[in-house]
Every structure is written in structure tokens, then in C-alpha cells.
Amino acid sequence: MNNAELSKIENMIYVVRGQKVMLDSDLADLYEVETKALNQAVRRNLDRFPKDFMFQLTSEEYLLLKSQFVTSKMGRGGKQKLPLVFTENGLAMLSGVLNSARAVQVHVAIMRIFTRLRSFLAMENTLSDRITKLEDGTNKLFKVVFERLDAFEDETPILKPNRKKLV
């Protein structure tokens, strides 16, 4: 898959309940199957999909996600059921349920994206730690500077208020 396709897949990853997930309809598009067929394959193998691998969105979660992308209205020829979402582990399990060359290709691309996202998160944490250390060091340095300025101010003689100016 090229970078444009990988970027498209990356934009299909959402955070729900603190987990990175992908919607059943997005996965169906990627695997080039109907959402109904994907969900039937999953339901035939429910023992492979515990709650931490796949779950159904609540109405509130779906409305929040729906505001992020354009979709048809429920009950009007569009989605009749709340979507299923798959975590990274669920996606790995899904690759075993869907057996096609396309499924393998898509699964490899998705796993690469999740790996890249994890490396970005690790880099972000490292940068955050470095910034925190820099802030701490800067705060200590400013404290020393202000203490020295206060000491210097205390040592400076106070001049008379009505002194003559030199011209």
C-alpha cells in the first residue's frame, strides 16, 4: 500500500473508551466486503472477540463519532444498528476470520500503522519528559537569578531622594 492509502487508514482510527479502534464499516470498505458480511463473519466467531477486542458503540459514542465524519442518518436507509468497533487485538483476530488476499494486505498495513502510532506515542512521552526536565532546570535557574538580584538590591546603597543632578 502506498502512503496515501496508509494515511487514509490512519484517519480511520478513533479513540473510544481510551482505546484506539476502527469502525466495522471502515474495515469493510478496506477489506472490500459489505459491512453486513464482515459483521456476520465476526458473529459466527464471537468466541474470538472478547470485549477488549471488539465492542458495540453506545448511542452517545456513535453520535460523538458521527460528528467527526459524514454518514447517513440511522433509520432512514442508513445504518440500522450501532456499529461495532475493533481494537488492535480485535483487528489481529479479524485477519484470521477473513481469509482473502485483500484481508492479508489490509491487515499488514493496519498493523504497520498501529506500530507507527505506538512509536509516535513513545517519542511524545520522551519529549514530554525532556520538556519537564528543562522546565525544572529553568525554574531552578530563575530562582537563583532572582535570589541574587534580591541580594544585590539589599547591598545597593539607598540614594537621597533630593540629590542634585549632574548636567
Protein backbone atom coordinates (compact mmCIF):
# COMPACT_ATOMS: atom_id res chain seq x y z
CA MET A 1 0.00 0.00 0.00
CA ASN A 2 1.21 3.49 -0.77
CA ASN A 3 1.47 6.42 1.66
CA ALA A 4 -1.89 7.88 0.59
CA GLU A 5 -3.65 4.60 1.42
CA LEU A 6 -1.80 4.33 4.74
CA SER A 7 -2.79 7.90 5.57
CA LYS A 8 -6.42 7.08 4.71
CA ILE A 9 -6.31 4.10 7.08
CA GLU A 10 -4.68 6.20 9.81
CA ASN A 11 -7.59 8.66 9.58
CA MET A 12 -10.00 5.77 10.23
CA ILE A 13 -8.57 5.17 13.70
CA TYR A 14 -10.57 6.75 16.52
CA VAL A 15 -10.18 6.79 20.28
CA VAL A 16 -13.20 5.38 22.11
CA ARG A 17 -13.20 4.45 25.79
CA GLY A 18 -9.48 5.26 25.88
CA GLN A 19 -8.65 2.72 23.15
CA LYS A 20 -7.67 3.16 19.52
CA VAL A 21 -10.38 1.48 17.45
CA MET A 22 -11.63 1.13 13.90
CA LEU A 23 -15.28 1.04 12.79
CA ASP A 24 -16.80 -2.04 11.19
CA SER A 25 -17.91 -0.02 8.15
CA ASP A 26 -14.41 1.41 7.59
CA LEU A 27 -12.89 -2.04 7.86
CA ALA A 28 -15.48 -3.44 5.46
CA ASP A 29 -14.51 -0.75 2.93
CA LEU A 30 -10.83 -1.59 3.33
CA TYR A 31 -11.41 -5.34 3.07
CA GLU A 32 -13.74 -4.69 0.10
CA VAL A 33 -16.69 -6.54 1.64
CA GLU A 34 -20.08 -5.36 2.82
CA THR A 35 -20.32 -4.30 6.47
CA LYS A 36 -23.07 -6.87 6.90
CA ALA A 37 -20.78 -9.65 5.63
CA LEU A 38 -17.94 -8.55 7.93
CA ASN A 39 -20.25 -8.48 10.95
CA GLN A 40 -21.71 -11.90 10.05
CA ALA A 41 -18.21 -13.37 9.92
CA VAL A 42 -17.49 -11.85 13.33
CA ARG A 43 -20.76 -13.10 14.84
CA ARG A 44 -20.03 -16.62 13.57
CA ASN A 45 -16.76 -16.43 15.54
CA LEU A 46 -17.81 -14.44 18.63
CA ASP A 47 -15.62 -16.55 20.92
CA ARG A 48 -12.60 -14.95 19.18
CA PHE A 49 -13.75 -11.41 20.05
CA PRO A 50 -13.91 -10.72 23.80
CA LYS A 51 -14.97 -7.24 24.94
CA ASP A 52 -11.41 -5.91 24.88
CA PHE A 53 -11.09 -6.93 21.20
CA MET A 54 -14.44 -5.65 19.93
CA PHE A 55 -17.46 -3.86 21.31
CA GLN A 56 -20.60 -2.12 20.11
CA LEU A 57 -20.77 1.64 20.43
CA THR A 58 -23.39 3.24 22.62
CA SER A 59 -25.76 5.78 21.06
CA GLU A 60 -23.81 8.63 22.69
CA GLU A 61 -20.45 7.33 21.46
CA TYR A 62 -21.84 6.90 17.97
CA LEU A 63 -23.22 10.45 17.91
CA LEU A 64 -19.84 11.82 19.04
CA LEU A 65 -18.05 9.85 16.33
CA LYS A 66 -20.69 10.70 13.74
CA SER A 67 -19.95 14.39 14.26
CA GLN A 68 -16.38 13.68 13.10
CA PHE A 69 -17.41 12.21 9.75
CA VAL A 70 -20.32 12.39 7.34
CA THR A 71 -22.70 9.45 7.48
CA SER A 72 -26.31 8.71 6.75
CA LYS A 73 -28.98 9.03 9.42
CA MET A 74 -29.99 5.97 11.37
CA GLY A 75 -33.42 4.61 10.48
CA ARG A 76 -33.57 6.24 7.04
CA GLY A 77 -31.95 3.74 4.75
CA GLY A 78 -28.62 4.17 6.53
CA LYS A 79 -27.10 2.26 9.40
CA GLN A 80 -29.78 0.37 11.30
CA LYS A 81 -27.60 -0.89 14.14
CA LEU A 82 -24.95 0.76 16.24
CA PRO A 83 -21.53 -0.03 14.78
CA LEU A 84 -19.02 -2.48 16.11
CA VAL A 85 -15.52 -1.21 16.75
CA PHE A 86 -12.36 -3.27 16.85
CA THR A 87 -9.28 -2.66 18.98
CA GLU A 88 -5.81 -3.55 17.73
CA ASN A 89 -6.17 -7.07 19.15
CA GLY A 90 -9.58 -7.37 17.53
CA LEU A 91 -8.10 -6.36 14.20
CA ALA A 92 -5.47 -9.07 14.54
CA MET A 93 -8.20 -11.61 15.27
CA LEU A 94 -10.29 -10.29 12.38
CA SER A 95 -7.50 -11.17 9.97
CA GLY A 96 -7.96 -14.82 10.96
CA VAL A 97 -11.69 -14.67 10.33
CA LEU A 98 -11.49 -13.01 6.92
CA ASN A 99 -9.46 -15.18 4.58
CA SER A 100 -8.60 -13.36 1.39
CA ALA A 101 -5.51 -11.87 -0.19
CA ARG A 102 -7.00 -8.41 0.29
CA ALA A 103 -7.62 -9.09 4.01
CA VAL A 104 -3.97 -10.07 4.50
CA GLN A 105 -2.75 -6.98 2.65
CA VAL A 106 -5.02 -4.65 4.63
CA HIS A 107 -4.16 -6.31 7.92
CA VAL A 108 -0.42 -5.84 7.32
CA ALA A 109 -0.99 -2.14 6.55
CA ILE A 110 -3.13 -1.64 9.67
CA MET A 111 -0.56 -3.34 11.91
CA ARG A 112 2.16 -1.09 10.48
CA ILE A 113 0.08 1.97 11.27
CA PHE A 114 -0.58 0.86 14.86
CA THR A 115 3.15 0.18 15.28
CA ARG A 116 3.95 3.66 13.95
CA LEU A 117 1.37 5.22 16.28
CA ARG A 118 2.97 3.45 19.24
CA SER A 119 6.41 4.76 18.25
CA PHE A 120 4.97 8.29 17.96
CA LEU A 121 3.47 7.91 21.43
CA ALA A 122 6.82 6.73 22.83
CA MET A 123 8.57 9.68 21.16
CA GLU A 124 5.93 12.04 22.54
CA ASN A 125 6.47 10.68 26.06
CA THR A 126 10.24 11.08 25.70
CA LEU A 127 9.83 14.67 24.52
CA SER A 128 7.39 15.37 27.33
CA ASP A 129 9.92 14.07 29.88
CA ARG A 130 12.66 16.22 28.35
CA ILE A 131 10.44 19.32 28.44
CA THR A 132 9.57 18.65 32.09
CA LYS A 133 13.27 18.36 32.98
CA LEU A 134 14.01 21.54 31.03
CA GLU A 135 11.21 23.39 32.86
CA ASP A 136 12.51 22.18 36.22
CA GLY A 137 16.05 23.31 35.36
CA THR A 138 14.80 26.67 34.11
CA ASN A 139 12.72 27.22 37.26
CA LYS A 140 15.76 26.49 39.44
CA LEU A 141 17.91 28.83 37.38
CA PHE A 142 15.39 31.68 37.61
CA LYS A 143 15.09 31.13 41.35
CA VAL A 144 18.86 31.55 41.73
CA VAL A 145 18.85 34.66 39.49
CA PHE A 146 16.05 36.30 41.47
CA GLU A 147 17.68 35.44 44.80
CA ARG A 148 20.93 37.06 43.60
CA LEU A 149 19.05 40.12 42.34
CA ASP A 150 17.31 40.43 45.72
CA ALA A 151 20.68 40.15 47.49
CA PHE A 152 22.20 42.73 45.14
CA GLU A 153 19.28 45.07 45.80
CA ASP A 154 19.80 44.72 49.54
CA GLU A 155 23.51 45.61 49.17
CA THR A 156 22.93 48.64 46.96
CA PRO A 157 23.07 51.89 48.96
CA ILE A 158 19.89 53.93 49.06
CA LEU A 159 20.41 57.33 47.48
CA LYS A 160 18.92 60.51 48.79
CA PRO A 161 15.68 61.47 47.05
CA ASN A 162 16.58 65.21 46.68
CA ARG A 163 20.05 65.00 45.25
CA LYS A 164 21.49 67.28 42.63
CA LYS A 165 21.59 66.17 39.04
CA LEU A 166 24.74 66.36 37.00
CA VAL A 167 24.29 68.23 33.78
